[in-house]
């Protein structure tokens, strides 16, 4: 729910202060809450924190982070994020790629959308 993103961040903070290790599920839930609230910057900050905590992001976590950018029309961030992930060990799914294409489309970046679409077909 969009109104719970601050509670998700609070919970991650409490976990850290209590020396309870945050896991992929805790981070993914907080990232998704931020996405739903339109807090794309916080979603990407949490994704960075997830990696700093040496947790391995999965396809769903990556998709949610990219969707956070897409939802707010931040095509450059979605495109950059997708490019970085393409160089990592994370398998990118159709959801991630479609979210990036949609972000480009929302900002009339049709050339980038076509480029991404072509890369998906390779």
PDB file of N, CA and C in Angstrom:
ATOM      1  N   UNK A   1       0.845  -1.179   0.000  1.00  0.00           N
ATOM      2  CA  UNK A   1       0.000   0.000   0.000  1.00  0.00           C
ATOM      3  C   UNK A   1       0.894   1.248   0.000  1.00  0.00           C
ATOM      4  N   UNK A   2       0.476   2.254  -0.735  1.00  0.00           N
ATOM      5  CA  UNK A   2       1.293   3.450  -0.925  1.00  0.00           C
ATOM      6  C   UNK A   2       1.608   4.177   0.377  1.00  0.00           C
ATOM      7  N   UNK A   3       0.699   4.137   1.327  1.00  0.00           N
ATOM      8  CA  UNK A   3       0.900   4.875   2.568  1.00  0.00           C
ATOM      9  C   UNK A   3       1.832   4.208   3.560  1.00  0.00           C
ATOM     10  N   UNK A   4       2.331   3.031   3.240  1.00  0.00           N
ATOM     11  CA  UNK A   4       3.140   2.290   4.197  1.00  0.00           C
ATOM     12  C   UNK A   4       4.642   2.321   3.926  1.00  0.00           C
ATOM     13  N   UNK A   5       5.073   3.105   2.970  1.00  0.00           N
ATOM     14  CA  UNK A   5       6.492   3.090   2.642  1.00  0.00           C
ATOM     15  C   UNK A   5       7.342   3.579   3.808  1.00  0.00           C
ATOM     16  N   UNK A   6       6.866   4.587   4.531  1.00  0.00           N
ATOM     17  CA  UNK A   6       7.642   5.100   5.660  1.00  0.00           C
ATOM     18  C   UNK A   6       7.709   4.069   6.794  1.00  0.00           C
ATOM     19  N   UNK A   7       6.667   3.271   6.935  1.00  0.00           N
ATOM     20  CA  UNK A   7       6.683   2.209   7.947  1.00  0.00           C
ATOM     21  C   UNK A   7       7.674   1.121   7.568  1.00  0.00           C
ATOM     22  N   UNK A   8       7.761   0.823   6.277  1.00  0.00           N
ATOM     23  CA  UNK A   8       8.723  -0.177   5.809  1.00  0.00           C
ATOM     24  C   UNK A   8      10.150   0.300   6.065  1.00  0.00           C
ATOM     25  N   UNK A   9      10.413   1.576   5.840  1.00  0.00           N
ATOM     26  CA  UNK A   9      11.747   2.133   6.114  1.00  0.00           C
ATOM     27  C   UNK A   9      12.039   2.123   7.605  1.00  0.00           C
ATOM     28  N   UNK A  10      11.035   2.466   8.395  1.00  0.00           N
ATOM     29  CA  UNK A  10      11.185   2.445   9.842  1.00  0.00           C
ATOM     30  C   UNK A  10      11.550   1.044  10.321  1.00  0.00           C
ATOM     31  N   UNK A  11      10.865   0.044   9.784  1.00  0.00           N
ATOM     32  CA  UNK A  11      11.128  -1.334  10.178  1.00  0.00           C
ATOM     33  C   UNK A  11      12.553  -1.762   9.816  1.00  0.00           C
ATOM     34  N   UNK A  12      13.019  -1.396   8.635  1.00  0.00           N
ATOM     35  CA  UNK A  12      14.410  -1.702   8.262  1.00  0.00           C
ATOM     36  C   UNK A  12      15.384  -1.039   9.225  1.00  0.00           C
ATOM     37  N   UNK A  13      15.088   0.187   9.620  1.00  0.00           N
ATOM     38  CA  UNK A  13      15.931   0.916  10.559  1.00  0.00           C
ATOM     39  C   UNK A  13      15.938   0.235  11.929  1.00  0.00           C
ATOM     40  N   UNK A  14      14.785  -0.162  12.408  1.00  0.00           N
ATOM     41  CA  UNK A  14      14.678  -0.853  13.691  1.00  0.00           C
ATOM     42  C   UNK A  14      15.463  -2.163  13.651  1.00  0.00           C
ATOM     43  N   UNK A  15      15.349  -2.866  12.537  1.00  0.00           N
ATOM     44  CA  UNK A  15      16.090  -4.119  12.393  1.00  0.00           C
ATOM     45  C   UNK A  15      17.591  -3.869  12.495  1.00  0.00           C
ATOM     46  N   UNK A  16      18.062  -2.823  11.829  1.00  0.00           N
ATOM     47  CA  UNK A  16      19.491  -2.502  11.856  1.00  0.00           C
ATOM     48  C   UNK A  16      19.946  -2.110  13.263  1.00  0.00           C
ATOM     49  N   UNK A  17      19.149  -1.293  13.943  1.00  0.00           N
ATOM     50  CA  UNK A  17      19.507  -0.867  15.299  1.00  0.00           C
ATOM     51  C   UNK A  17      19.483  -2.025  16.286  1.00  0.00           C
ATOM     52  N   UNK A  18      18.645  -3.009  16.019  1.00  0.00           N
ATOM     53  CA  UNK A  18      18.523  -4.170  16.911  1.00  0.00           C
ATOM     54  C   UNK A  18      19.500  -5.277  16.538  1.00  0.00           C
ATOM     55  N   UNK A  19      20.345  -5.000  15.560  1.00  0.00           N
ATOM     56  CA  UNK A  19      21.334  -5.973  15.083  1.00  0.00           C
ATOM     57  C   UNK A  19      20.678  -7.206  14.459  1.00  0.00           C
ATOM     58  N   UNK A  20      19.452  -7.028  13.954  1.00  0.00           N
ATOM     59  CA  UNK A  20      18.770  -8.089  13.226  1.00  0.00           C
ATOM     60  C   UNK A  20      19.104  -7.893  11.753  1.00  0.00           C
ATOM     61  N   UNK A  21      19.618  -8.941  11.119  1.00  0.00           N
ATOM     62  CA  UNK A  21      20.003  -8.820   9.718  1.00  0.00           C
ATOM     63  C   UNK A  21      18.786  -8.672   8.826  1.00  0.00           C
ATOM     64  N   UNK A  22      18.816  -7.669   7.982  1.00  0.00           N
ATOM     65  CA  UNK A  22      17.758  -7.497   6.989  1.00  0.00           C
ATOM     66  C   UNK A  22      18.020  -8.485   5.863  1.00  0.00           C
ATOM     67  N   UNK A  23      16.971  -9.139   5.415  1.00  0.00           N
ATOM     68  CA  UNK A  23      17.140 -10.095   4.330  1.00  0.00           C
ATOM     69  C   UNK A  23      16.539  -9.545   3.040  1.00  0.00           C
ATOM     70  N   UNK A  24      16.622 -10.346   1.995  1.00  0.00           N
ATOM     71  CA  UNK A  24      16.124  -9.926   0.698  1.00  0.00           C
ATOM     72  C   UNK A  24      14.624  -9.620   0.745  1.00  0.00           C
ATOM     73  N   UNK A  25      13.883 -10.388   1.513  1.00  0.00           N
ATOM     74  CA  UNK A  25      12.434 -10.166   1.607  1.00  0.00           C
ATOM     75  C   UNK A  25      12.134  -8.815   2.249  1.00  0.00           C
ATOM     76  N   UNK A  26      12.852  -8.467   3.314  1.00  0.00           N
ATOM     77  CA  UNK A  26      12.624  -7.180   3.986  1.00  0.00           C
ATOM     78  C   UNK A  26      12.929  -6.020   3.034  1.00  0.00           C
ATOM     79  N   UNK A  27      14.067  -6.103   2.339  1.00  0.00           N
ATOM     80  CA  UNK A  27      14.420  -5.038   1.399  1.00  0.00           C
ATOM     81  C   UNK A  27      13.434  -4.977   0.238  1.00  0.00           C
ATOM     82  N   UNK A  28      13.075  -6.127  -0.303  1.00  0.00           N
ATOM     83  CA  UNK A  28      12.148  -6.158  -1.441  1.00  0.00           C
ATOM     84  C   UNK A  28      10.797  -5.568  -1.072  1.00  0.00           C
ATOM     85  N   UNK A  29      10.335  -5.863   0.126  1.00  0.00           N
ATOM     86  CA  UNK A  29       9.058  -5.324   0.595  1.00  0.00           C
ATOM     87  C   UNK A  29       9.131  -3.803   0.713  1.00  0.00           C
ATOM     88  N   UNK A  30      10.230  -3.300   1.255  1.00  0.00           N
ATOM     89  CA  UNK A  30      10.394  -1.849   1.396  1.00  0.00           C
ATOM     90  C   UNK A  30      10.517  -1.177   0.025  1.00  0.00           C
ATOM     91  N   UNK A  31      11.253  -1.803  -0.889  1.00  0.00           N
ATOM     92  CA  UNK A  31      11.393  -1.258  -2.246  1.00  0.00           C
ATOM     93  C   UNK A  31      10.024  -1.193  -2.927  1.00  0.00           C
ATOM     94  N   UNK A  32       9.241  -2.251  -2.776  1.00  0.00           N
ATOM     95  CA  UNK A  32       7.906  -2.277  -3.371  1.00  0.00           C
ATOM     96  C   UNK A  32       7.000  -1.213  -2.757  1.00  0.00           C
ATOM     97  N   UNK A  33       7.083  -1.027  -1.449  1.00  0.00           N
ATOM     98  CA  UNK A  33       6.277   0.008  -0.789  1.00  0.00           C
ATOM     99  C   UNK A  33       6.640   1.391  -1.324  1.00  0.00           C
ATOM    100  N   UNK A  34       7.932   1.622  -1.524  1.00  0.00           N
ATOM    101  CA  UNK A  34       8.380   2.909  -2.082  1.00  0.00           C
ATOM    102  C   UNK A  34       7.881   3.075  -3.509  1.00  0.00           C
ATOM    103  N   UNK A  35       7.949   2.018  -4.287  1.00  0.00           N
ATOM    104  CA  UNK A  35       7.440   2.068  -5.667  1.00  0.00           C
ATOM    105  C   UNK A  35       5.970   2.455  -5.673  1.00  0.00           C
ATOM    106  N   UNK A  36       5.188   1.808  -4.829  1.00  0.00           N
ATOM    107  CA  UNK A  36       3.745   2.075  -4.785  1.00  0.00           C
ATOM    108  C   UNK A  36       3.427   3.500  -4.350  1.00  0.00           C
ATOM    109  N   UNK A  37       4.329   4.098  -3.579  1.00  0.00           N
ATOM    110  CA  UNK A  37       4.124   5.471  -3.108  1.00  0.00           C
ATOM    111  C   UNK A  37       4.727   6.509  -4.054  1.00  0.00           C
ATOM    112  N   UNK A  38       5.341   6.052  -5.139  1.00  0.00           N
ATOM    113  CA  UNK A  38       5.974   6.986  -6.070  1.00  0.00           C
ATOM    114  C   UNK A  38       7.308   7.504  -5.576  1.00  0.00           C
ATOM    115  N   UNK A  39       7.901   6.828  -4.615  1.00  0.00           N
ATOM    116  CA  UNK A  39       9.195   7.224  -4.041  1.00  0.00           C
ATOM    117  C   UNK A  39      10.328   6.471  -4.748  1.00  0.00           C
ATOM    118  N   UNK A  40      10.504   6.766  -6.046  1.00  0.00           N
ATOM    119  CA  UNK A  40      11.465   6.022  -6.855  1.00  0.00           C
ATOM    120  C   UNK A  40      12.899   6.206  -6.365  1.00  0.00           C
ATOM    121  N   UNK A  41      13.234   7.415  -5.904  1.00  0.00           N
ATOM    122  CA  UNK A  41      14.605   7.644  -5.424  1.00  0.00           C
ATOM    123  C   UNK A  41      14.906   6.776  -4.205  1.00  0.00           C
ATOM    124  N   UNK A  42      13.972   6.700  -3.295  1.00  0.00           N
ATOM    125  CA  UNK A  42      14.159   5.870  -2.110  1.00  0.00           C
ATOM    126  C   UNK A  42      14.217   4.397  -2.494  1.00  0.00           C
ATOM    127  N   UNK A  43      13.419   4.004  -3.460  1.00  0.00           N
ATOM    128  CA  UNK A  43      13.458   2.611  -3.929  1.00  0.00           C
ATOM    129  C   UNK A  43      14.848   2.256  -4.440  1.00  0.00           C
ATOM    130  N   UNK A  44      15.459   3.161  -5.212  1.00  0.00           N
ATOM    131  CA  UNK A  44      16.805   2.891  -5.733  1.00  0.00           C
ATOM    132  C   UNK A  44      17.857   2.953  -4.630  1.00  0.00           C
ATOM    133  N   UNK A  45      17.663   3.829  -3.650  1.00  0.00           N
ATOM    134  CA  UNK A  45      18.585   3.870  -2.509  1.00  0.00           C
ATOM    135  C   UNK A  45      18.525   2.563  -1.725  1.00  0.00           C
ATOM    136  N   UNK A  46      17.333   2.033  -1.554  1.00  0.00           N
ATOM    137  CA  UNK A  46      17.184   0.758  -0.853  1.00  0.00           C
ATOM    138  C   UNK A  46      17.817  -0.378  -1.649  1.00  0.00           C
ATOM    139  N   UNK A  47      17.674  -0.326  -2.958  1.00  0.00           N
ATOM    140  CA  UNK A  47      18.306  -1.354  -3.787  1.00  0.00           C
ATOM    141  C   UNK A  47      19.823  -1.298  -3.617  1.00  0.00           C
ATOM    142  N   UNK A  48      20.382  -0.096  -3.590  1.00  0.00           N
ATOM    143  CA  UNK A  48      21.819   0.069  -3.372  1.00  0.00           C
ATOM    144  C   UNK A  48      22.212  -0.465  -1.999  1.00  0.00           C
ATOM    145  N   UNK A  49      21.408  -0.181  -0.995  1.00  0.00           N
ATOM    146  CA  UNK A  49      21.680  -0.690   0.360  1.00  0.00           C
ATOM    147  C   UNK A  49      21.626  -2.210   0.393  1.00  0.00           C
ATOM    148  N   UNK A  50      20.697  -2.781  -0.340  1.00  0.00           N
ATOM    149  CA  UNK A  50      20.583  -4.240  -0.429  1.00  0.00           C
ATOM    150  C   UNK A  50      21.896  -4.836  -0.932  1.00  0.00           C
ATOM    151  N   UNK A  51      22.452  -4.247  -1.975  1.00  0.00           N
ATOM    152  CA  UNK A  51      23.716  -4.731  -2.535  1.00  0.00           C
ATOM    153  C   UNK A  51      24.856  -4.502  -1.545  1.00  0.00           C
ATOM    154  N   UNK A  52      24.848  -3.349  -0.858  1.00  0.00           N
ATOM    155  CA  UNK A  52      25.877  -3.062   0.156  1.00  0.00           C
ATOM    156  C   UNK A  52      25.862  -4.084   1.284  1.00  0.00           C
ATOM    157  N   UNK A  53      24.674  -4.604   1.580  1.00  0.00           N
ATOM    158  CA  UNK A  53      24.533  -5.625   2.618  1.00  0.00           C
ATOM    159  C   UNK A  53      24.894  -7.021   2.087  1.00  0.00           C
ATOM    160  N   UNK A  54      25.448  -7.044   0.894  1.00  0.00           N
ATOM    161  CA  UNK A  54      25.893  -8.273   0.243  1.00  0.00           C
ATOM    162  C   UNK A  54      24.765  -9.285   0.043  1.00  0.00           C
ATOM    163  N   UNK A  55      23.582  -8.755  -0.215  1.00  0.00           N
ATOM    164  CA  UNK A  55      22.449  -9.606  -0.562  1.00  0.00           C
ATOM    165  C   UNK A  55      22.356  -9.669  -2.081  1.00  0.00           C
ATOM    166  N   UNK A  56      22.014 -10.806  -2.590  1.00  0.00           N
ATOM    167  CA  UNK A  56      21.917 -11.001  -4.034  1.00  0.00           C
ATOM    168  C   UNK A  56      20.500 -10.663  -4.497  1.00  0.00           C
ATOM    169  N   UNK A  57      20.338  -9.570  -5.257  1.00  0.00           N
ATOM    170  CA  UNK A  57      18.997  -9.226  -5.741  1.00  0.00           C
ATOM    171  C   UNK A  57      18.501 -10.284  -6.723  1.00  0.00           C
ATOM    172  N   UNK A  58      17.216 -10.533  -6.694  1.00  0.00           N
ATOM    173  CA  UNK A  58      16.655 -11.482  -7.650  1.00  0.00           C
ATOM    174  C   UNK A  58      15.902 -10.717  -8.739  1.00  0.00           C
ATOM    175  N   UNK A  59      15.367 -11.466  -9.684  1.00  0.00           N
ATOM    176  CA  UNK A  59      14.683 -10.850 -10.817  1.00  0.00           C
ATOM    177  C   UNK A  59      13.514  -9.978 -10.351  1.00  0.00           C
ATOM    178  N   UNK A  60      12.790 -10.429  -9.343  1.00  0.00           N
ATOM    179  CA  UNK A  60      11.622  -9.678  -8.879  1.00  0.00           C
ATOM    180  C   UNK A  60      12.037  -8.358  -8.224  1.00  0.00           C
ATOM    181  N   UNK A  61      13.074  -8.392  -7.406  1.00  0.00           N
ATOM    182  CA  UNK A  61      13.546  -7.171  -6.757  1.00  0.00           C
ATOM    183  C   UNK A  61      13.991  -6.149  -7.803  1.00  0.00           C
ATOM    184  N   UNK A  62      14.693  -6.622  -8.818  1.00  0.00           N
ATOM    185  CA  UNK A  62      15.143  -5.735  -9.898  1.00  0.00           C
ATOM    186  C   UNK A  62      13.947  -5.156 -10.655  1.00  0.00           C
ATOM    187  N   UNK A  63      12.971  -5.993 -10.910  1.00  0.00           N
ATOM    188  CA  UNK A  63      11.777  -5.542 -11.636  1.00  0.00           C
ATOM    189  C   UNK A  63      11.037  -4.457 -10.865  1.00  0.00           C
ATOM    190  N   UNK A  64      10.933  -4.642  -9.557  1.00  0.00           N
ATOM    191  CA  UNK A  64      10.238  -3.651  -8.730  1.00  0.00           C
ATOM    192  C   UNK A  64      10.991  -2.326  -8.742  1.00  0.00           C
ATOM    193  N   UNK A  65      12.317  -2.384  -8.641  1.00  0.00           N
ATOM    194  CA  UNK A  65      13.120  -1.151  -8.653  1.00  0.00           C
ATOM    195  C   UNK A  65      12.971  -0.419  -9.992  1.00  0.00           C
ATOM    196  N   UNK A  66      13.011  -1.156 -11.087  1.00  0.00           N
ATOM    197  CA  UNK A  66      12.844  -0.533 -12.403  1.00  0.00           C
ATOM    198  C   UNK A  66      11.420   0.004 -12.556  1.00  0.00           C
ATOM    199  N   UNK A  67      10.452  -0.747 -12.056  1.00  0.00           N
ATOM    200  CA  UNK A  67       9.061  -0.297 -12.125  1.00  0.00           C
ATOM    201  C   UNK A  67       8.839   0.981 -11.328  1.00  0.00           C
ATOM    202  N   UNK A  68       9.602   1.154 -10.248  1.00  0.00           N
ATOM    203  CA  UNK A  68       9.508   2.396  -9.469  1.00  0.00           C
ATOM    204  C   UNK A  68       9.896   3.584 -10.338  1.00  0.00           C
ATOM    205  N   UNK A  69      10.923   3.420 -11.139  1.00  0.00           N
ATOM    206  CA  UNK A  69      11.340   4.490 -12.058  1.00  0.00           C
ATOM    207  C   UNK A  69      10.292   4.682 -13.148  1.00  0.00           C
ATOM    208  N   UNK A  70       9.808   3.589 -13.675  1.00  0.00           N
ATOM    209  CA  UNK A  70       8.817   3.640 -14.753  1.00  0.00           C
ATOM    210  C   UNK A  70       7.547   4.326 -14.299  1.00  0.00           C
ATOM    211  N   UNK A  71       7.111   3.999 -13.094  1.00  0.00           N
ATOM    212  CA  UNK A  71       5.858   4.547 -12.568  1.00  0.00           C
ATOM    213  C   UNK A  71       5.917   6.063 -12.464  1.00  0.00           C
ATOM    214  N   UNK A  72       7.105   6.590 -12.184  1.00  0.00           N
ATOM    215  CA  UNK A  72       7.255   8.032 -12.029  1.00  0.00           C
ATOM    216  C   UNK A  72       7.806   8.690 -13.297  1.00  0.00           C
ATOM    217  N   UNK A  73       7.898   7.936 -14.392  1.00  0.00           N
ATOM    218  CA  UNK A  73       8.349   8.494 -15.661  1.00  0.00           C
ATOM    219  C   UNK A  73       9.830   8.817 -15.719  1.00  0.00           C
ATOM    220  N   UNK A  74      10.623   8.178 -14.909  1.00  0.00           N
ATOM    221  CA  UNK A  74      12.068   8.429 -14.879  1.00  0.00           C
ATOM    222  C   UNK A  74      12.773   7.454 -15.815  1.00  0.00           C
ATOM    223  N   UNK A  75      12.591   7.661 -17.121  1.00  0.00           N
ATOM    224  CA  UNK A  75      13.109   6.731 -18.112  1.00  0.00           C
ATOM    225  C   UNK A  75      14.626   6.632 -18.066  1.00  0.00           C
ATOM    226  N   UNK A  76      15.323   7.751 -17.825  1.00  0.00           N
ATOM    227  CA  UNK A  76      16.795   7.699 -17.789  1.00  0.00           C
ATOM    228  C   UNK A  76      17.266   6.785 -16.664  1.00  0.00           C
ATOM    229  N   UNK A  77      16.663   6.932 -15.503  1.00  0.00           N
ATOM    230  CA  UNK A  77      17.052   6.093 -14.364  1.00  0.00           C
ATOM    231  C   UNK A  77      16.729   4.622 -14.643  1.00  0.00           C
ATOM    232  N   UNK A  78      15.559   4.370 -15.210  1.00  0.00           N
ATOM    233  CA  UNK A  78      15.185   2.993 -15.536  1.00  0.00           C
ATOM    234  C   UNK A  78      16.159   2.398 -16.546  1.00  0.00           C
ATOM    235  N   UNK A  79      16.518   3.185 -17.546  1.00  0.00           N
ATOM    236  CA  UNK A  79      17.436   2.732 -18.588  1.00  0.00           C
ATOM    237  C   UNK A  79      18.826   2.483 -18.004  1.00  0.00           C
ATOM    238  N   UNK A  80      19.317   3.413 -17.165  1.00  0.00           N
ATOM    239  CA  UNK A  80      20.623   3.240 -16.520  1.00  0.00           C
ATOM    240  C   UNK A  80      20.627   1.997 -15.638  1.00  0.00           C
ATOM    241  N   UNK A  81      19.567   1.844 -14.880  1.00  0.00           N
ATOM    242  CA  UNK A  81      19.457   0.719 -13.966  1.00  0.00           C
ATOM    243  C   UNK A  81      19.449  -0.594 -14.741  1.00  0.00           C
ATOM    244  N   UNK A  82      18.695  -0.638 -15.817  1.00  0.00           N
ATOM    245  CA  UNK A  82      18.629  -1.833 -16.642  1.00  0.00           C
ATOM    246  C   UNK A  82      19.996  -2.136 -17.253  1.00  0.00           C
ATOM    247  N   UNK A  83      20.708  -1.106 -17.680  1.00  0.00           N
ATOM    248  CA  UNK A  83      22.041  -1.294 -18.262  1.00  0.00           C
ATOM    249  C   UNK A  83      23.021  -1.868 -17.246  1.00  0.00           C
ATOM    250  N   UNK A  84      22.973  -1.355 -16.022  1.00  0.00           N
ATOM    251  CA  UNK A  84      23.854  -1.865 -14.965  1.00  0.00           C
ATOM    252  C   UNK A  84      23.520  -3.326 -14.667  1.00  0.00           C
ATOM    253  N   UNK A  85      22.245  -3.622 -14.572  1.00  0.00           N
ATOM    254  CA  UNK A  85      21.836  -4.993 -14.262  1.00  0.00           C
ATOM    255  C   UNK A  85      22.193  -5.961 -15.380  1.00  0.00           C
ATOM    256  N   UNK A  86      22.172  -5.483 -16.620  1.00  0.00           N
ATOM    257  CA  UNK A  86      22.517  -6.340 -17.751  1.00  0.00           C
ATOM    258  C   UNK A  86      23.962  -6.819 -17.658  1.00  0.00           C
ATOM    259  N   UNK A  87      24.800  -6.060 -16.968  1.00  0.00           N
ATOM    260  CA  UNK A  87      26.214  -6.425 -16.798  1.00  0.00           C
ATOM    261  C   UNK A  87      26.449  -7.270 -15.548  1.00  0.00           C
ATOM    262  N   UNK A  88      25.403  -7.537 -14.790  1.00  0.00           N
ATOM    263  CA  UNK A  88      25.544  -8.291 -13.543  1.00  0.00           C
ATOM    264  C   UNK A  88      25.098  -9.737 -13.760  1.00  0.00           C
ATOM    265  N   UNK A  89      25.065 -10.473 -12.678  1.00  0.00           N
ATOM    266  CA  UNK A  89      24.648 -11.872 -12.736  1.00  0.00           C
ATOM    267  C   UNK A  89      23.142 -12.046 -12.640  1.00  0.00           C
ATOM    268  N   UNK A  90      22.413 -10.958 -12.483  1.00  0.00           N
ATOM    269  CA  UNK A  90      20.963 -11.044 -12.322  1.00  0.00           C
ATOM    270  C   UNK A  90      20.317 -11.297 -13.681  1.00  0.00           C
ATOM    271  N   UNK A  91      19.488 -12.313 -13.719  1.00  0.00           N
ATOM    272  CA  UNK A  91      18.738 -12.588 -14.945  1.00  0.00           C
ATOM    273  C   UNK A  91      17.573 -11.610 -15.008  1.00  0.00           C
ATOM    274  N   UNK A  92      17.536 -10.861 -16.080  1.00  0.00           N
ATOM    275  CA  UNK A  92      16.470  -9.874 -16.238  1.00  0.00           C
ATOM    276  C   UNK A  92      15.284 -10.513 -16.926  1.00  0.00           C
ATOM    277  N   UNK A  93      14.145 -10.316 -16.361  1.00  0.00           N
ATOM    278  CA  UNK A  93      12.940 -10.894 -16.930  1.00  0.00           C
ATOM    279  C   UNK A  93      12.210  -9.911 -17.810  1.00  0.00           C
ATOM    280  N   UNK A  94      11.160 -10.386 -18.376  1.00  0.00           N
ATOM    281  CA  UNK A  94      10.330  -9.584 -19.260  1.00  0.00           C
ATOM    282  C   UNK A  94       9.739  -8.391 -18.519  1.00  0.00           C
ATOM    283  N   UNK A  95       9.408  -8.565 -17.249  1.00  0.00           N
ATOM    284  CA  UNK A  95       8.817  -7.473 -16.469  1.00  0.00           C
ATOM    285  C   UNK A  95       9.788  -6.296 -16.398  1.00  0.00           C
ATOM    286  N   UNK A  96      11.049  -6.569 -16.095  1.00  0.00           N
ATOM    287  CA  UNK A  96      12.058  -5.497 -16.001  1.00  0.00           C
ATOM    288  C   UNK A  96      12.217  -4.776 -17.325  1.00  0.00           C
ATOM    289  N   UNK A  97      12.306  -5.549 -18.380  1.00  0.00           N
ATOM    290  CA  UNK A  97      12.511  -4.950 -19.696  1.00  0.00           C
ATOM    291  C   UNK A  97      11.278  -4.165 -20.150  1.00  0.00           C
ATOM    292  N   UNK A  98      10.105  -4.716 -19.895  1.00  0.00           N
ATOM    293  CA  UNK A  98       8.876  -3.998 -20.273  1.00  0.00           C
ATOM    294  C   UNK A  98       8.699  -2.719 -19.464  1.00  0.00           C
ATOM    295  N   UNK A  99       9.072  -2.744 -18.194  1.00  0.00           N
ATOM    296  CA  UNK A  99       8.974  -1.530 -17.372  1.00  0.00           C
ATOM    297  C   UNK A  99       9.903  -0.450 -17.918  1.00  0.00           C
ATOM    298  N   UNK A 100      11.096  -0.849 -18.341  1.00  0.00           N
ATOM    299  CA  UNK A 100      12.028   0.126 -18.914  1.00  0.00           C
ATOM    300  C   UNK A 100      11.497   0.690 -20.224  1.00  0.00           C
ATOM    301  N   UNK A 101      10.932  -0.165 -21.056  1.00  0.00           N
ATOM    302  CA  UNK A 101      10.343   0.300 -22.317  1.00  0.00           C
ATOM    303  C   UNK A 101       9.186   1.253 -22.036  1.00  0.00           C
ATOM    304  N   UNK A 102       8.369   0.908 -21.065  1.00  0.00           N
ATOM    305  CA  UNK A 102       7.231   1.758 -20.708  1.00  0.00           C
ATOM    306  C   UNK A 102       7.693   3.116 -20.185  1.00  0.00           C
ATOM    307  N   UNK A 103       8.771   3.118 -19.395  1.00  0.00           N
ATOM    308  CA  UNK A 103       9.313   4.395 -18.889  1.00  0.00           C
ATOM    309  C   UNK A 103       9.767   5.271 -20.044  1.00  0.00           C
ATOM    310  N   UNK A 104      10.418   4.675 -21.035  1.00  0.00           N
ATOM    311  CA  UNK A 104      10.853   5.435 -22.215  1.00  0.00           C
ATOM    312  C   UNK A 104       9.644   5.966 -22.976  1.00  0.00           C
ATOM    313  N   UNK A 105       8.645   5.125 -23.128  1.00  0.00           N
ATOM    314  CA  UNK A 105       7.444   5.511 -23.864  1.00  0.00           C
ATOM    315  C   UNK A 105       6.731   6.672 -23.192  1.00  0.00           C
ATOM    316  N   UNK A 106       6.688   6.671 -21.861  1.00  0.00           N
ATOM    317  CA  UNK A 106       5.974   7.730 -21.134  1.00  0.00           C
ATOM    318  C   UNK A 106       6.618   9.094 -21.331  1.00  0.00           C
ATOM    319  N   UNK A 107       7.910   9.095 -21.663  1.00  0.00           N
ATOM    320  CA  UNK A 107       8.594  10.369 -21.867  1.00  0.00           C
ATOM    321  C   UNK A 107       8.936  10.585 -23.344  1.00  0.00           C
ATOM    322  N   UNK A 108       8.184   9.924 -24.222  1.00  0.00           N
ATOM    323  CA  UNK A 108       8.349  10.059 -25.679  1.00  0.00           C
ATOM    324  C   UNK A 108       9.767   9.712 -26.144  1.00  0.00           C
ATOM    325  N   UNK A 109      10.386   8.789 -25.480  1.00  0.00           N
ATOM    326  CA  UNK A 109      11.717   8.325 -25.869  1.00  0.00           C
ATOM    327  C   UNK A 109      11.570   7.049 -26.707  1.00  0.00           C
ATOM    328  N   UNK A 110      10.869   7.172 -27.826  1.00  0.00           N
ATOM    329  CA  UNK A 110      10.527   6.004 -28.630  1.00  0.00           C
ATOM    330  C   UNK A 110      11.766   5.309 -29.189  1.00  0.00           C
ATOM    331  N   UNK A 111      12.844   6.079 -29.487  1.00  0.00           N
ATOM    332  CA  UNK A 111      14.053   5.461 -30.038  1.00  0.00           C
ATOM    333  C   UNK A 111      14.670   4.492 -29.027  1.00  0.00           C
ATOM    334  N   UNK A 112      14.699   4.915 -27.764  1.00  0.00           N
ATOM    335  CA  UNK A 112      15.230   4.041 -26.718  1.00  0.00           C
ATOM    336  C   UNK A 112      14.307   2.848 -26.493  1.00  0.00           C
ATOM    337  N   UNK A 113      13.018   3.084 -26.599  1.00  0.00           N
ATOM    338  CA  UNK A 113      12.059   1.983 -26.438  1.00  0.00           C
ATOM    339  C   UNK A 113      12.279   0.932 -27.525  1.00  0.00           C
ATOM    340  N   UNK A 114      12.506   1.382 -28.750  1.00  0.00           N
ATOM    341  CA  UNK A 114      12.770   0.457 -29.854  1.00  0.00           C
ATOM    342  C   UNK A 114      14.076  -0.283 -29.626  1.00  0.00           C
ATOM    343  N   UNK A 115      15.090   0.423 -29.158  1.00  0.00           N
ATOM    344  CA  UNK A 115      16.386  -0.201 -28.859  1.00  0.00           C
ATOM    345  C   UNK A 115      16.224  -1.312 -27.813  1.00  0.00           C
ATOM    346  N   UNK A 116      15.525  -1.019 -26.756  1.00  0.00           N
ATOM    347  CA  UNK A 116      15.287  -2.024 -25.717  1.00  0.00           C
ATOM    348  C   UNK A 116      14.479  -3.199 -26.257  1.00  0.00           C
ATOM    349  N   UNK A 117      13.480  -2.902 -27.051  1.00  0.00           N
ATOM    350  CA  UNK A 117      12.649  -3.944 -27.615  1.00  0.00           C
ATOM    351  C   UNK A 117      13.480  -4.864 -28.516  1.00  0.00           C
ATOM    352  N   UNK A 118      14.368  -4.276 -29.288  1.00  0.00           N
ATOM    353  CA  UNK A 118      15.248  -5.067 -30.162  1.00  0.00           C
ATOM    354  C   UNK A 118      16.192  -5.936 -29.349  1.00  0.00           C
ATOM    355  N   UNK A 119      16.709  -5.401 -28.242  1.00  0.00           N
ATOM    356  CA  UNK A 119      17.612  -6.170 -27.383  1.00  0.00           C
ATOM    357  C   UNK A 119      16.882  -7.349 -26.745  1.00  0.00           C
ATOM    358  N   UNK A 120      15.607  -7.156 -26.451  1.00  0.00           N
ATOM    359  CA  UNK A 120      14.823  -8.251 -25.869  1.00  0.00           C
ATOM    360  C   UNK A 120      14.698  -9.424 -26.838  1.00  0.00           C
ATOM    361  N   UNK A 121      14.657  -9.112 -28.126  1.00  0.00           N
ATOM    362  CA  UNK A 121      14.479 -10.153 -29.136  1.00  0.00           C
ATOM    363  C   UNK A 121      15.770 -10.927 -29.391  1.00  0.00           C
ATOM    364  N   UNK A 122      16.909 -10.385 -28.988  1.00  0.00           N
ATOM    365  CA  UNK A 122      18.198 -11.052 -29.242  1.00  0.00           C
ATOM    366  C   UNK A 122      18.360 -12.281 -28.401  1.00  0.00           C
TER     367      UNK A 122
END
